[in-house]
N, C-alpha and C. Protein backbone atom coordinates (compact mmCIF):
# COMPACT_ATOMS: atom_id res chain seq x y z
N CYS A 1 133.96 168.46 -12.94
CA CYS A 1 135.10 168.52 -13.63
C CYS A 1 136.12 167.42 -12.66
N ILE A 2 137.34 167.26 -12.95
CA ILE A 2 138.91 166.26 -12.32
C ILE A 2 138.77 167.17 -11.37
N ASP A 3 139.01 166.71 -9.80
CA ASP A 3 139.88 167.72 -8.93
C ASP A 3 141.21 167.72 -9.11
N ARG A 4 141.77 168.63 -8.93
CA ARG A 4 143.62 168.84 -9.24
C ARG A 4 144.29 168.14 -8.51
N ASN A 5 143.25 167.96 -7.27
CA ASN A 5 144.50 167.10 -5.99
C ASN A 5 144.34 165.72 -6.12
N ILE A 6 143.60 165.47 -7.45
CA ILE A 6 143.41 163.92 -7.42
C ILE A 6 145.32 162.90 -7.89
N SER A 7 144.88 162.03 -6.77
CA SER A 7 145.77 160.70 -6.58
C SER A 7 146.18 160.61 -8.03
N LEU A 8 147.28 159.91 -8.10
CA LEU A 8 148.03 158.87 -9.06
C LEU A 8 146.68 157.91 -9.03
N LEU A 9 146.70 157.23 -8.23
CA LEU A 9 145.16 155.65 -8.47
C LEU A 9 144.21 156.61 -8.85
N GLY A 10 144.00 157.64 -8.63
CA GLY A 10 142.52 158.33 -8.88
C GLY A 10 142.28 158.44 -10.64
N ILE A 11 143.81 159.11 -10.81
CA ILE A 11 143.67 159.32 -12.24
C ILE A 11 143.67 158.23 -13.01
N GLN A 12 144.20 157.20 -12.85
CA GLN A 12 143.91 155.78 -12.89
C GLN A 12 142.69 155.19 -12.99
N LYS A 13 142.12 155.22 -11.83
CA LYS A 13 140.56 154.86 -11.99
C LYS A 13 139.81 155.25 -12.42
N LEU A 14 140.01 156.82 -13.11
CA LEU A 14 139.40 157.56 -14.13
C LEU A 14 139.37 156.77 -15.35
N PHE A 15 140.42 156.60 -15.63
CA PHE A 15 140.29 155.86 -16.91
C PHE A 15 139.77 154.38 -16.97
N GLU A 16 140.19 153.72 -15.98
CA GLU A 16 139.91 151.87 -16.31
C GLU A 16 138.52 152.30 -16.22
N ASP A 17 137.94 152.94 -15.44
CA ASP A 17 136.46 153.53 -15.15
C ASP A 17 135.55 153.67 -16.80
N ALA A 18 136.16 154.59 -17.18
CA ALA A 18 135.95 154.70 -18.79
C ALA A 18 135.90 153.87 -19.88
N ASP A 19 137.25 152.66 -19.42
CA ASP A 19 137.32 152.21 -20.49
C ASP A 19 136.58 150.90 -20.15
N THR A 20 135.39 150.98 -21.05
CA THR A 20 133.50 149.86 -20.41
C THR A 20 134.84 148.58 -21.08
N HIS A 21 134.96 148.62 -22.35
CA HIS A 21 135.44 147.53 -22.50
C HIS A 21 136.55 146.89 -22.38
N GLY A 22 137.24 147.34 -21.56
CA GLY A 22 138.58 146.89 -21.21
C GLY A 22 139.80 146.43 -22.09
N SER A 23 139.37 147.63 -23.49
CA SER A 23 140.36 147.10 -24.28
C SER A 23 141.87 147.62 -23.74
N GLY A 24 141.92 148.58 -22.95
CA GLY A 24 143.30 149.76 -22.77
C GLY A 24 143.14 150.90 -23.53
N TYR A 25 142.19 151.19 -24.33
CA TYR A 25 142.21 153.00 -24.77
C TYR A 25 140.55 153.09 -24.52
N LEU A 26 140.44 154.91 -24.72
CA LEU A 26 139.12 154.87 -25.19
C LEU A 26 138.53 154.93 -26.17
N ASP A 27 137.50 154.21 -26.67
CA ASP A 27 137.27 154.55 -28.10
C ASP A 27 136.41 156.00 -28.41
N TYR A 28 135.60 156.12 -29.18
CA TYR A 28 134.88 157.68 -28.91
C TYR A 28 133.76 157.77 -28.73
N LEU A 29 133.34 156.44 -27.97
CA LEU A 29 131.68 156.41 -27.48
C LEU A 29 131.98 156.10 -26.29
N GLU A 30 133.19 155.64 -25.48
CA GLU A 30 133.31 155.58 -24.60
C GLU A 30 134.03 157.17 -23.85
N PHE A 31 134.64 157.75 -24.95
CA PHE A 31 134.80 159.13 -24.57
C PHE A 31 133.62 160.27 -23.99
N ARG A 32 132.72 159.76 -25.13
CA ARG A 32 131.68 160.57 -24.77
C ARG A 32 130.75 160.29 -24.07
N VAL A 33 130.76 158.81 -23.40
CA VAL A 33 130.14 158.72 -21.89
C VAL A 33 131.38 159.49 -21.04
N PHE A 34 132.43 158.75 -21.10
CA PHE A 34 133.09 159.77 -20.11
C PHE A 34 132.49 161.55 -20.14
N CYS A 35 132.88 161.85 -20.73
CA CYS A 35 132.53 163.31 -20.64
C CYS A 35 131.17 163.67 -20.34
N GLU A 36 130.23 163.31 -20.38
CA GLU A 36 129.17 163.29 -19.93
C GLU A 36 129.25 162.67 -18.33
N GLU A 37 129.84 162.30 -17.81
CA GLU A 37 129.61 161.94 -16.74
C GLU A 37 130.67 162.90 -15.53
N LEU A 38 131.60 163.38 -16.26
CA LEU A 38 132.36 164.63 -15.76
C LEU A 38 131.83 165.85 -15.98
N GLY A 39 130.26 165.53 -16.55
CA GLY A 39 129.32 167.04 -16.20
C GLY A 39 129.77 167.92 -17.88
N LEU A 40 130.63 166.85 -18.50
CA LEU A 40 131.09 168.11 -20.05
C LEU A 40 130.40 167.89 -21.34
N GLU A 41 129.29 168.85 -21.48
CA GLU A 41 128.10 168.73 -22.83
C GLU A 41 129.28 169.35 -23.75
N TYR A 42 129.25 168.39 -24.82
CA TYR A 42 129.36 168.90 -26.01
C TYR A 42 128.51 168.41 -27.11
N THR A 43 128.65 169.27 -28.32
CA THR A 43 127.55 168.86 -29.17
C THR A 43 128.62 167.83 -30.25
N PRO A 44 128.03 167.36 -30.82
CA PRO A 44 128.88 165.92 -31.66
C PRO A 44 130.48 166.38 -32.13
N SER A 45 130.14 167.67 -32.81
CA SER A 45 131.20 168.28 -33.49
C SER A 45 132.28 168.47 -32.52
N GLU A 46 131.83 169.05 -31.48
CA GLU A 46 132.97 169.63 -30.67
C GLU A 46 133.36 168.40 -29.87
N ALA A 47 132.68 167.03 -29.75
CA ALA A 47 132.92 165.83 -29.11
C ALA A 47 134.13 165.77 -30.07
N ARG A 48 133.70 165.42 -31.36
CA ARG A 48 134.83 164.78 -32.36
C ARG A 48 136.23 165.56 -32.16
N ARG A 49 135.97 166.83 -31.86
CA ARG A 49 137.03 167.67 -32.11
C ARG A 49 137.90 167.32 -31.20
N LEU A 50 137.37 167.37 -29.61
CA LEU A 50 138.26 167.15 -28.40
C LEU A 50 139.02 165.73 -28.60
N PHE A 51 138.10 164.56 -29.12
CA PHE A 51 138.41 163.49 -28.90
C PHE A 51 139.81 163.31 -29.52
N ARG A 52 140.31 164.45 -31.36
CA ARG A 52 140.98 163.70 -32.07
C ARG A 52 142.21 164.65 -31.08
N LEU A 53 142.01 165.77 -30.21
CA LEU A 53 143.03 166.56 -29.74
C LEU A 53 143.40 165.26 -28.78
N PHE A 54 142.56 164.61 -28.03
CA PHE A 54 143.30 163.41 -26.95
C PHE A 54 143.91 162.54 -27.66
N ASP A 55 143.47 162.31 -28.61
CA ASP A 55 144.20 160.88 -29.88
C ASP A 55 145.57 161.66 -30.87
N GLU A 56 146.53 161.77 -30.16
CA GLU A 56 147.49 162.36 -29.97
C GLU A 56 148.24 160.88 -31.34
N GLY A 57 147.83 159.95 -31.41
CA GLY A 57 148.85 159.08 -32.19
C GLY A 57 148.01 158.90 -33.50
N LYS A 58 146.74 159.95 -33.68
CA LYS A 58 145.96 159.68 -34.53
C LYS A 58 145.21 158.18 -35.12
N THR A 59 145.28 157.23 -33.63
CA THR A 59 144.73 155.58 -34.19
C THR A 59 143.12 155.31 -33.84
N GLY A 60 142.42 156.67 -33.55
CA GLY A 60 140.92 156.14 -33.53
C GLY A 60 140.87 155.84 -32.08
N GLY A 61 141.95 156.02 -30.52
CA GLY A 61 141.65 155.51 -29.53
C GLY A 61 142.57 156.24 -28.75
N ILE A 62 142.03 156.33 -27.75
CA ILE A 62 142.89 157.55 -26.45
C ILE A 62 143.78 156.38 -25.68
N THR A 63 144.86 156.44 -25.66
CA THR A 63 145.73 155.83 -24.32
C THR A 63 145.79 156.70 -23.03
N PHE A 64 145.98 155.31 -21.96
CA PHE A 64 146.15 156.28 -20.70
C PHE A 64 147.21 157.46 -20.83
N PHE A 65 148.38 157.23 -21.81
CA PHE A 65 149.24 158.18 -22.04
C PHE A 65 148.80 159.05 -22.73
N GLU A 66 147.94 159.26 -23.16
CA GLU A 66 147.50 160.04 -24.39
C GLU A 66 146.35 161.09 -23.64
N TYR A 67 145.95 160.27 -22.46
CA TYR A 67 144.84 160.45 -21.59
C TYR A 67 145.17 161.70 -20.93
N CYS A 68 146.62 161.22 -19.71
CA CYS A 68 147.24 161.81 -18.80
C CYS A 68 147.49 163.17 -19.34
N HIS A 69 148.54 163.21 -21.06
CA HIS A 69 149.39 164.10 -21.64
C HIS A 69 148.48 165.52 -21.25
N THR A 70 146.80 164.98 -21.96
CA THR A 70 146.12 165.93 -22.36
C THR A 70 145.30 166.75 -21.31
N ILE A 71 145.19 165.89 -19.98
CA ILE A 71 144.05 165.98 -18.66
C ILE A 71 145.16 166.85 -17.59
N PHE A 72 146.00 166.00 -17.95
CA PHE A 72 147.54 166.44 -16.67
C PHE A 72 148.86 166.51 -17.46
N PRO A 73 149.10 167.59 -18.28
CA PRO A 73 150.38 168.14 -19.04
C PRO A 73 151.61 167.86 -18.20
N ASP A 74 151.51 168.18 -16.90
CA ASP A 74 152.75 168.22 -16.25
C ASP A 74 152.94 166.88 -15.70
N LEU A 75 152.13 166.09 -16.21
CA LEU A 75 152.59 164.58 -15.18
C LEU A 75 152.98 164.23 -16.12
N ASP A 76 154.11 163.59 -15.81
CA ASP A 76 155.24 162.68 -16.67
C ASP A 76 155.20 161.34 -16.55
N VAL A 77 153.84 160.87 -17.38
CA VAL A 77 153.35 159.28 -17.04
C VAL A 77 154.49 158.46 -17.21
N GLU A 78 155.15 158.57 -18.25
CA GLU A 78 156.28 158.16 -19.20
C GLU A 78 157.31 157.67 -18.28
N TRP A 79 157.62 158.37 -17.46
CA TRP A 79 158.60 158.61 -16.61
C TRP A 79 158.18 157.77 -15.35
N LEU A 80 157.02 158.13 -14.79
CA LEU A 80 156.54 157.06 -13.35
C LEU A 80 156.71 155.69 -13.94
N TYR A 81 155.91 155.50 -15.42
CA TYR A 81 155.48 153.98 -15.93
C TYR A 81 156.90 153.49 -15.68
N ASP A 82 158.31 154.34 -15.96
CA ASP A 82 159.16 153.46 -16.48
C ASP A 82 160.08 153.03 -15.29
N ARG A 83 159.52 153.52 -14.05
CA ARG A 83 160.28 153.66 -12.78
C ARG A 83 159.00 152.82 -12.19
N GLY A 84 157.87 152.16 -12.48
CA GLY A 84 157.13 151.39 -11.85
C GLY A 84 156.05 152.43 -10.84
N VAL A 85 155.93 153.35 -10.96
CA VAL A 85 154.89 153.85 -10.40
C VAL A 85 153.60 154.02 -10.64
N VAL A 86 153.27 154.11 -12.00
CA VAL A 86 151.85 153.47 -12.49
C VAL A 86 152.71 152.44 -13.08
N GLY A 87 151.47 151.30 -12.87
CA GLY A 87 151.43 150.19 -13.13
C GLY A 87 150.28 149.42 -13.61
N VAL A 88 149.16 150.14 -13.75
CA VAL A 88 147.99 149.58 -13.90
C VAL A 88 147.47 148.34 -15.20
N GLY A 89 147.09 147.52 -15.15
CA GLY A 89 146.77 146.71 -15.67
C GLY A 89 145.83 147.17 -16.70
N LEU A 90 145.92 147.30 -17.88
CA LEU A 90 144.73 148.12 -18.64
C LEU A 90 144.57 147.30 -19.63
N GLY A 91 143.79 146.68 -20.48
CA GLY A 91 144.01 146.19 -21.63
C GLY A 91 144.78 144.97 -22.12
N GLY A 92 145.65 145.21 -23.46
CA GLY A 92 146.11 144.49 -23.93
C GLY A 92 145.60 143.91 -24.92
N ALA A 93 144.27 143.98 -25.26
CA ALA A 93 143.98 143.34 -26.52
C ALA A 93 144.22 144.34 -28.00
N SER A 94 144.92 143.74 -28.88
CA SER A 94 144.99 144.43 -30.06
C SER A 94 143.73 145.42 -30.48
N GLY A 95 144.25 146.75 -31.25
CA GLY A 95 143.67 147.68 -31.30
C GLY A 95 144.64 149.05 -31.52
N ALA A 96 143.61 150.12 -30.69
CA ALA A 96 144.11 151.78 -31.51
C ALA A 96 145.52 152.24 -31.03
N ALA A 97 146.02 151.10 -29.88
CA ALA A 97 147.52 152.07 -29.42
C ALA A 97 148.17 152.40 -30.32
N SER A 98 149.13 153.47 -29.97
CA SER A 98 149.91 153.46 -31.32
C SER A 98 151.52 152.71 -30.62
N ASP A 99 152.54 152.82 -31.78
CA ASP A 99 153.73 152.60 -31.47
C ASP A 99 154.20 153.49 -30.00
N THR A 100 154.13 154.90 -30.42
CA THR A 100 154.57 155.79 -29.47
C THR A 100 153.86 155.81 -28.37
N TYR A 101 153.20 155.44 -28.14
CA TYR A 101 152.22 155.39 -26.45
C TYR A 101 151.45 153.69 -26.33
N PRO A 102 152.06 152.92 -26.36
CA PRO A 102 151.79 151.34 -26.14
C PRO A 102 150.55 151.32 -24.93
N ARG A 103 149.99 150.54 -24.89
CA ARG A 103 148.98 149.93 -23.50
C ARG A 103 149.89 149.88 -22.35
N MET A 104 149.15 150.11 -21.13
CA MET A 104 149.94 149.64 -20.37
C MET A 104 150.87 148.74 -19.91
N SER A 105 150.27 147.70 -20.46
CA SER A 105 150.82 145.93 -20.65
C SER A 105 152.22 145.84 -21.28
N ALA A 106 152.77 146.84 -21.90
CA ALA A 106 154.12 147.22 -22.94
C ALA A 106 154.68 148.42 -22.23
N LYS A 107 155.56 148.10 -22.53
CA LYS A 107 156.38 149.36 -21.58
C LYS A 107 157.03 150.22 -22.73
N PRO A 108 156.74 151.67 -22.29
CA PRO A 108 156.64 152.87 -22.76
C PRO A 108 158.50 153.14 -23.25
N ALA A 109 158.89 153.84 -24.03
CA ALA A 109 159.93 154.54 -24.30
C ALA A 109 159.73 155.49 -23.41
N SER A 110 160.94 155.57 -22.40
CA SER A 110 161.39 156.48 -21.78
C SER A 110 161.69 158.08 -22.11
N GLN A 111 161.31 158.84 -21.63
CA GLN A 111 161.30 160.60 -22.36
C GLN A 111 162.26 161.12 -21.75
N HIS A 112 163.52 161.44 -22.48
CA HIS A 112 164.70 162.02 -21.70
C HIS A 112 164.53 163.03 -21.01
N GLY A 113 165.02 163.73 -20.17
CA GLY A 113 164.50 164.96 -19.41
C GLY A 113 164.01 165.76 -19.08
N ARG A 114 162.87 164.64 -19.06
CA ARG A 114 161.46 165.09 -18.27
C ARG A 114 161.33 164.32 -16.95
N HIS A 115 161.53 164.93 -16.13
CA HIS A 115 162.10 164.21 -14.55
C HIS A 115 160.49 164.85 -13.69
N SER A 116 159.63 165.47 -13.84
CA SER A 116 158.57 166.00 -12.96
C SER A 116 157.51 165.10 -12.90
N ALA A 117 156.81 164.89 -11.61
CA ALA A 117 155.47 164.45 -11.39
C ALA A 117 154.65 165.04 -10.85
N GLY A 118 154.44 166.30 -11.47
CA GLY A 118 153.61 167.08 -11.58
C GLY A 118 153.86 167.94 -10.11
């Protein structure tokens, strides 16, 4: 499982390593491999349900922001990105990112009122 004391750089690296296609989001198969590498074994139906939970925008892909929202719910990644603290060069290819949670190559909308870094 993921160490609760993982650094922000570690969080980004986990996602980048899981994004084997370099698209800026995790598709279902990348997500399955990611779970297996973390030692999480799910049936196909459980994995699909979990994938849908992560995929907040229902786009068929999990963006870095969606990944952070689910695994690290107290990390305000959009706030950090807006201030330049998070700035990984994830993907940028067209695909499953939603307008609500764009890929890291596009600046996300700020979330007002939430300023906690975790």
